[in-house]
Protein backbone atom coordinates (compact mmCIF):
# COMPACT_ATOMS: atom_id res chain seq x y z
CA MET A 1 -0.24 0.13 0.37
CA THR A 2 2.81 2.25 0.39
CA ALA A 3 3.89 1.86 -3.31
CA TYR A 4 0.37 3.87 -4.04
CA GLY A 5 1.18 7.00 -1.35
CA ALA A 6 0.52 5.73 2.04
CA LYS A 7 2.02 7.05 4.69
CA GLY A 8 1.02 5.45 7.83
CA ASP A 9 1.76 8.10 10.32
CA GLY A 10 -1.27 9.00 12.31
CA ASP A 11 -2.02 12.46 10.51
CA THR A 12 -1.95 12.27 6.99
CA LYS A 13 -4.95 10.85 5.27
CA ASP A 14 -4.21 7.48 3.51
CA THR A 15 -7.31 7.27 1.92
CA ALA A 16 -6.71 7.73 -1.66
CA ALA A 17 -3.76 5.46 -1.46
CA ILE A 18 -5.53 2.56 0.29
CA GLN A 19 -8.25 3.18 -2.73
CA LYS A 20 -5.49 2.93 -4.60
CA ALA A 21 -4.17 -0.15 -3.96
CA VAL A 22 -7.79 -1.83 -3.34
CA ASP A 23 -8.44 -0.67 -7.23
CA ALA A 24 -5.01 -2.42 -8.39
CA CYS A 25 -6.16 -5.73 -6.74
CA ALA A 26 -9.70 -5.91 -7.93
CA ASP A 27 -8.22 -4.71 -11.40
CA ALA A 28 -5.82 -7.42 -11.56
CA GLY A 29 -8.76 -9.93 -10.82
CA ASP A 30 -7.80 -10.56 -7.26
CA GLY A 31 -5.33 -9.72 -4.13
CA GLU A 32 -4.40 -8.30 -0.77
CA VAL A 33 -3.86 -4.58 0.22
CA PHE A 34 -1.52 -5.03 3.32
CA PHE A 35 -1.25 -2.38 6.01
CA PRO A 36 2.51 -2.46 7.15
CA LYS A 37 3.01 -1.42 11.16
CA GLY A 38 1.78 2.17 11.21
CA VAL A 39 -1.09 4.47 11.69
CA PHE A 40 -3.39 4.55 8.87
CA LEU A 41 -6.08 7.50 8.80
CA SER A 42 -9.30 7.29 6.29
CA GLY A 43 -12.03 7.78 5.09
CA SER A 44 -14.39 6.16 3.06
CA ILE A 45 -13.05 2.77 1.28
CA ILE A 46 -14.68 1.02 -1.18
CA LEU A 47 -13.92 -2.77 -0.98
CA LYS A 48 -14.28 -4.53 -4.38
CA SER A 49 -14.52 -7.90 -5.40
CA GLY A 50 -11.47 -10.65 -4.87
CA VAL A 51 -9.46 -7.65 -2.08
CA THR A 52 -8.90 -8.53 1.18
CA LEU A 53 -7.53 -5.94 3.44
CA PHE A 54 -4.68 -7.50 5.86
CA ILE A 55 -4.22 -5.26 8.84
CA SER A 56 -0.61 -6.39 10.45
CA PRO A 57 -0.16 -7.02 13.98
CA ASP A 58 1.25 -3.54 14.35
CA ALA A 59 -1.02 -1.39 12.00
CA VAL A 60 -4.19 0.69 12.90
CA MET A 61 -6.78 1.66 10.15
CA ARG A 62 -8.19 4.39 12.10
CA GLY A 63 -11.22 6.76 10.51
CA SER A 64 -10.71 10.02 10.12
CA THR A 65 -12.89 12.69 12.77
CA ASN A 66 -14.09 14.48 9.71
CA ILE A 67 -17.86 13.84 8.26
CA ALA A 68 -16.86 14.54 5.06
CA ASP A 69 -14.19 11.93 4.67
CA TYR A 70 -17.22 9.34 4.58
CA THR A 71 -18.58 10.09 0.97
CA LYS A 72 -20.24 6.14 1.40
CA GLY A 73 -21.56 6.08 4.70
CA ALA A 74 -19.39 4.43 6.79
CA LEU A 75 -15.16 3.59 6.95
CA ILE A 76 -15.46 0.17 5.05
CA ASN A 77 -17.82 -0.37 2.16
CA ALA A 78 -18.53 -3.03 -0.03
CA GLU A 79 -21.95 -3.77 -2.38
CA ASP A 80 -22.24 -6.93 -4.11
CA VAL A 81 -18.58 -8.89 -3.64
CA GLU A 82 -17.38 -11.78 -3.96
CA LYS A 83 -14.13 -13.99 -2.25
CA THR A 84 -13.69 -10.30 -0.39
CA GLY A 85 -12.29 -10.22 3.56
CA ILE A 86 -10.39 -8.47 6.57
CA GLU A 87 -7.53 -10.48 8.46
CA GLY A 88 -4.62 -9.88 10.40
CA GLY A 89 -4.12 -8.57 13.60
CA GLY A 90 -4.22 -5.25 13.30
CA ASP A 91 -6.91 -2.73 14.62
CA ILE A 92 -9.90 -1.23 12.98
CA PHE A 93 -11.34 1.88 14.88
CA LEU A 94 -13.28 5.03 15.26
CA PRO A 95 -11.96 7.99 17.28
CA ARG A 96 -13.99 8.09 20.84
CA GLN A 97 -14.69 12.17 20.94
CA ARG A 98 -17.77 13.32 23.23
CA ASN A 99 -20.59 13.09 21.25
CA SER A 100 -19.20 12.22 18.15
CA LEU A 101 -21.63 9.02 16.91
CA PRO A 102 -24.52 11.03 17.27
CA TYR A 103 -23.58 13.69 14.89
CA PHE A 104 -22.16 11.37 12.53
CA SER A 105 -25.46 9.46 12.89
CA ARG A 106 -27.64 12.49 11.64
CA TYR A 107 -25.57 12.67 8.33
CA GLY A 108 -25.73 9.34 7.29
CA PHE A 109 -22.83 7.86 9.32
CA SER A 110 -23.02 3.84 9.35
CA GLY A 111 -19.91 2.79 11.22
CA ILE A 112 -17.22 1.27 10.96
CA ILE A 113 -18.18 -1.44 7.93
CA ARG A 114 -20.84 -1.46 5.67
CA PHE A 115 -21.85 -4.76 3.44
CA LEU A 116 -24.42 -4.64 1.29
CA HIS A 117 -26.01 -7.39 -1.25
CA ALA A 118 -28.69 -5.94 -3.61
CA ALA A 119 -32.10 -8.14 -3.82
CA ALA A 120 -31.89 -10.19 -7.52
């Protein structure tokens, strides 16, 4: 993922780099987006078929505190995907701020992970 520009420093928004890595795996037919040691700040990511996020034990995917960074309603989003997953011993979380979830809920934020399947 760092090859796509992710810094993992906890300050830089890595959303675009993470999404580029997901897209590259999907374009290749499948693959794993590996989160190395670091804190990766992100807004909404769209997970695609055949792609696995692997959060290494020393890695953290931390959600942004800015509601505008959640363009799809959650931190990790997927719709109508197959062979997709999240693995590893690292952490995924949203920063706990006073009254942050009620605020986010008012604006359509649904949580950390949002997988949808359309009815046939």
